[in-house]
């Protein structure tokens, strides 16, 4: 019986793909595409009761560390999937193409990757939130600065602007910016994140720096049931990001 079920699930998914519809229940889809002459693997989380004719808010998620599909899965499972399915968000999470981090060459797939997602899914207002932990947070700043017209907010836990310049920070000054870092994080995130948030705030940006008490680099205070805090930020950003 287990063998029959193992084969039945792909058959159902294939049937849905052949007739051009997505499954109605919450689902995580694993996909591969050629974008900017680059092979990209990515996952898409669809919300409960997904309706392809309805517009949904969407989040672009980047994994930490080497930004492989394993780290993508970790971020989705810890911080995004459950709450997105419940609150009605589409989540799109690519792995680093060819092993190139998204702030060290992998960003070449943008903005074409975003245009592809917008063609495949009805994203509300054609704009994404972008978020991720550690290297995913750095990537979130970097990709948003290069393509600000596609985004509503940047959330890094932790993260800062890669090779920050005033011009790059000004590029995201119309977005909401939410940053989090563990109080006991052994890396040197704190001061750079504070500086960038202070500069953005001086421009009138809704920008916040939050030090998570007693937390190390890997933040439990934003994981599992605590992921609601991330989504509260997304909901706030949808109401507007300039003072």
Protein backbone atom coordinates (compact mmCIF):
# COMPACT_ATOMS: atom_id res chain seq x y z
CA UNK A 1 0.00 0.00 0.00
CA UNK A 2 2.87 2.35 0.85
CA UNK A 3 4.35 1.72 -2.60
CA UNK A 4 1.06 2.62 -4.29
CA UNK A 5 0.83 5.90 -2.40
CA UNK A 6 4.43 6.77 -3.25
CA UNK A 7 3.64 6.56 -6.94
CA UNK A 8 0.17 8.08 -6.74
CA UNK A 9 1.31 11.43 -5.38
CA UNK A 10 3.61 12.33 -8.32
CA UNK A 11 0.91 11.15 -10.73
CA UNK A 12 -1.59 13.59 -9.23
CA UNK A 13 0.94 16.42 -9.32
CA UNK A 14 1.81 15.59 -12.93
CA UNK A 15 -1.83 15.59 -13.89
CA UNK A 16 -2.29 19.04 -12.36
CA UNK A 17 0.75 20.31 -14.24
CA UNK A 18 -0.47 18.90 -17.56
CA UNK A 19 -3.79 20.74 -17.36
CA UNK A 20 -2.16 23.94 -16.13
CA UNK A 21 -3.56 24.19 -12.60
CA UNK A 22 -2.05 24.16 -9.13
CA UNK A 23 -3.37 21.89 -6.36
CA UNK A 24 -5.97 23.57 -4.16
CA UNK A 25 -4.51 22.45 -0.83
CA UNK A 26 -1.41 23.98 0.72
CA UNK A 27 1.63 22.61 -1.08
CA UNK A 28 5.37 22.95 -1.47
CA UNK A 29 6.38 22.70 -5.12
CA UNK A 30 9.96 21.96 -6.18
CA UNK A 31 10.86 23.52 -9.51
CA UNK A 32 13.77 24.10 -11.88
CA UNK A 33 14.01 26.83 -14.51
CA UNK A 34 16.54 28.35 -16.87
CA UNK A 35 16.85 32.01 -15.93
CA UNK A 36 19.36 34.41 -17.48
CA UNK A 37 21.08 31.35 -19.02
CA UNK A 38 21.41 29.90 -15.53
CA UNK A 39 19.77 26.76 -14.10
CA UNK A 40 17.88 27.67 -10.94
CA UNK A 41 16.29 25.30 -8.45
CA UNK A 42 13.60 26.80 -6.26
CA UNK A 43 10.64 25.96 -4.07
CA UNK A 44 7.22 27.56 -3.95
CA UNK A 45 4.97 27.39 -0.89
CA UNK A 46 1.29 27.82 -1.68
CA UNK A 47 -1.21 28.81 1.02
CA UNK A 48 -4.18 26.86 2.28
CA UNK A 49 -7.05 27.00 -0.21
CA UNK A 50 -4.81 28.38 -2.94
CA UNK A 51 -6.79 29.85 -5.85
CA UNK A 52 -4.76 30.61 -8.99
CA UNK A 53 -7.18 33.39 -9.91
CA UNK A 54 -6.67 35.28 -6.65
CA UNK A 55 -3.89 37.76 -5.83
CA UNK A 56 -1.70 36.91 -2.84
CA UNK A 57 1.06 38.73 -0.98
CA UNK A 58 4.40 37.03 -1.67
CA UNK A 59 7.75 36.59 0.05
CA UNK A 60 11.10 35.94 -1.61
CA UNK A 61 13.15 33.89 0.86
CA UNK A 62 16.89 33.25 0.84
CA UNK A 63 18.60 30.55 2.89
CA UNK A 64 21.65 31.14 5.05
CA UNK A 65 25.12 29.61 4.86
CA UNK A 66 25.92 28.16 1.42
CA UNK A 67 22.36 28.91 0.24
CA UNK A 68 21.86 25.35 -0.99
CA UNK A 69 18.44 23.70 -1.20
CA UNK A 70 19.10 22.23 2.25
CA UNK A 71 19.41 25.69 3.77
CA UNK A 72 16.36 26.83 1.78
CA UNK A 73 14.40 23.93 3.30
CA UNK A 74 15.67 24.87 6.76
CA UNK A 75 14.47 28.47 6.43
CA UNK A 76 11.10 27.42 5.04
CA UNK A 77 10.51 24.87 7.79
CA UNK A 78 11.72 27.04 10.67
CA UNK A 79 10.49 30.46 9.71
CA UNK A 80 8.04 30.64 6.83
CA UNK A 81 6.02 27.67 5.63
CA UNK A 82 3.45 27.13 8.39
CA UNK A 83 2.59 30.80 8.86
CA UNK A 84 2.50 31.48 5.11
CA UNK A 85 0.08 28.62 4.53
CA UNK A 86 -2.13 29.88 7.34
CA UNK A 87 -2.04 33.61 6.55
CA UNK A 88 -2.33 33.27 2.79
CA UNK A 89 1.14 34.08 1.45
CA UNK A 90 3.02 32.65 -1.51
CA UNK A 91 6.67 31.99 -0.63
CA UNK A 92 9.35 31.58 -3.30
CA UNK A 93 12.81 30.36 -2.26
CA UNK A 94 15.65 29.80 -4.77
CA UNK A 95 18.91 27.97 -4.11
CA UNK A 96 22.18 29.63 -5.11
CA UNK A 97 22.75 28.90 -8.81
CA UNK A 98 25.95 26.99 -9.49
CA UNK A 99 26.92 27.41 -5.85
CA UNK A 100 27.34 31.18 -6.29
CA UNK A 101 25.99 33.05 -3.26
CA UNK A 102 23.32 35.57 -4.14
CA UNK A 103 25.60 38.47 -3.26
CA UNK A 104 28.65 36.97 -5.00
CA UNK A 105 27.41 36.31 -8.53
CA UNK A 106 24.16 34.43 -7.94
CA UNK A 107 22.21 37.70 -8.15
CA UNK A 108 22.62 37.51 -11.93
CA UNK A 109 19.25 35.73 -12.10
CA UNK A 110 17.48 38.93 -11.03
CA UNK A 111 15.23 40.59 -12.03
CA UNK A 112 14.39 37.88 -14.61
CA UNK A 113 13.60 35.36 -11.87
CA UNK A 114 11.11 37.78 -10.32
CA UNK A 115 9.49 38.43 -13.68
CA UNK A 116 9.09 34.68 -14.16
CA UNK A 117 7.38 34.31 -10.78
CA UNK A 118 5.09 37.24 -11.52
CA UNK A 119 4.10 35.55 -14.79
CA UNK A 120 3.40 32.24 -13.01
CA UNK A 121 1.56 33.55 -9.95
CA UNK A 122 -0.81 36.41 -9.19
CA UNK A 123 1.31 38.39 -6.73
CA UNK A 124 -0.54 41.30 -5.13
CA UNK A 125 0.58 44.62 -6.64
CA UNK A 126 3.51 42.83 -8.32
CA UNK A 127 5.72 43.34 -5.27
CA UNK A 128 7.45 40.97 -2.84
CA UNK A 129 8.70 41.01 0.70
CA UNK A 130 12.27 39.68 0.84
CA UNK A 131 13.67 37.94 3.90
CA UNK A 132 16.28 35.53 5.18
CA UNK A 133 18.66 34.57 7.98
CA UNK A 134 22.40 35.34 8.02
CA UNK A 135 23.69 35.13 4.42
CA UNK A 136 20.02 35.16 3.48
CA UNK A 137 19.65 38.47 5.29
CA UNK A 138 22.68 39.94 3.51
CA UNK A 139 21.21 38.72 0.22
CA UNK A 140 17.84 40.27 1.02
CA UNK A 141 19.43 43.71 1.38
CA UNK A 142 21.61 43.25 -1.69
CA UNK A 143 18.91 42.02 -4.08
CA UNK A 144 16.43 44.64 -2.85
CA UNK A 145 18.95 47.44 -3.42
CA UNK A 146 19.55 46.25 -6.99
CA UNK A 147 15.83 45.83 -7.75
CA UNK A 148 13.88 48.04 -5.32
CA UNK A 149 10.86 48.41 -7.60
CA UNK A 150 9.96 44.75 -6.96
CA UNK A 151 9.85 44.95 -3.15
CA UNK A 152 7.80 46.17 -0.21
CA UNK A 153 10.09 45.23 2.65
CA UNK A 154 13.44 43.75 3.67
CA UNK A 155 13.72 41.47 6.72
CA UNK A 156 17.11 40.19 7.88
CA UNK A 157 17.67 38.01 10.94
CA UNK A 158 20.50 38.90 11.02
CA UNK A 159 21.82 40.73 7.98
CA UNK A 160 23.11 44.00 6.57
CA UNK A 161 23.87 45.61 3.22
CA UNK A 162 26.68 43.86 1.36
CA UNK A 163 29.44 46.41 0.65
CA UNK A 164 27.17 49.17 1.88
CA UNK A 165 27.18 52.58 0.22
CA UNK A 166 24.89 55.54 0.73
CA UNK A 167 23.46 54.97 -2.75
CA UNK A 168 22.60 51.33 -2.02
CA UNK A 169 20.91 52.25 1.25
CA UNK A 170 19.00 55.08 -0.40
CA UNK A 171 17.77 52.59 -2.99
CA UNK A 172 15.78 50.76 -0.29
CA UNK A 173 14.68 53.85 1.63
CA UNK A 174 11.06 53.52 0.43
CA UNK A 175 10.84 49.95 1.77
CA UNK A 176 10.20 48.82 5.33
CA UNK A 177 13.37 47.38 6.86
CA UNK A 178 13.23 45.00 9.83
CA UNK A 179 16.46 43.60 11.30
CA UNK A 180 17.04 41.17 14.17
CA UNK A 181 20.25 39.90 15.76
CA UNK A 182 20.99 37.65 18.73
CA UNK A 183 22.35 39.38 21.82
CA UNK A 184 25.13 36.78 22.11
CA UNK A 185 25.82 36.40 18.38
CA UNK A 186 29.57 35.88 18.13
CA UNK A 187 29.83 37.55 14.72
CA UNK A 188 30.21 41.28 14.17
CA UNK A 189 26.69 42.04 12.96
CA UNK A 190 25.50 44.46 15.61
CA UNK A 191 27.30 47.69 14.85
CA UNK A 192 26.87 47.53 11.06
CA UNK A 193 23.18 46.74 11.37
CA UNK A 194 22.69 49.59 13.85
CA UNK A 195 24.48 52.07 11.58
CA UNK A 196 22.42 51.13 8.55
CA UNK A 197 19.12 51.26 10.42
CA UNK A 198 20.02 54.66 11.88
CA UNK A 199 20.87 56.01 8.43
CA UNK A 200 17.67 54.67 6.89
CA UNK A 201 15.62 56.09 9.77
CA UNK A 202 17.19 59.49 9.12
CA UNK A 203 15.78 59.30 5.60
CA UNK A 204 12.27 58.69 6.92
CA UNK A 205 12.32 54.94 6.35
CA UNK A 206 10.44 52.61 8.67
CA UNK A 207 13.62 50.81 9.78
CA UNK A 208 14.09 48.80 12.97
CA UNK A 209 16.97 47.09 14.72
CA UNK A 210 16.00 44.51 17.34
CA UNK A 211 18.48 42.72 19.59
CA UNK A 212 17.04 39.37 20.64
CA UNK A 213 17.84 38.89 24.33
CA UNK A 214 19.81 35.77 25.21
CA UNK A 215 19.83 34.55 21.61
CA UNK A 216 22.85 33.32 19.60
CA UNK A 217 23.26 33.56 15.83
CA UNK A 218 20.44 31.11 15.12
CA UNK A 219 17.33 32.85 16.42
CA UNK A 220 14.72 30.69 18.11
CA UNK A 221 12.68 33.81 18.86
CA UNK A 222 11.64 34.02 15.19
CA UNK A 223 11.23 30.29 14.55
CA UNK A 224 8.27 27.94 14.82
CA UNK A 225 5.32 29.60 16.55
CA UNK A 226 7.45 32.76 16.95
CA UNK A 227 7.52 33.21 13.16
CA UNK A 228 4.32 35.21 13.60
CA UNK A 229 6.62 38.16 14.39
CA UNK A 230 8.09 38.06 10.89
CA UNK A 231 4.64 38.02 9.33
CA UNK A 232 3.42 40.84 11.56
CA UNK A 233 6.21 42.88 9.97
CA UNK A 234 5.11 41.92 6.46
CA UNK A 235 1.53 42.94 7.30
CA UNK A 236 2.76 46.28 8.63
CA UNK A 237 4.78 46.89 5.48
CA UNK A 238 1.70 46.32 3.34
CA UNK A 239 0.17 49.41 4.95
CA UNK A 240 3.06 51.67 3.85
CA UNK A 241 6.71 52.21 4.71
CA UNK A 242 7.43 55.94 4.85
CA UNK A 243 6.79 58.22 7.83
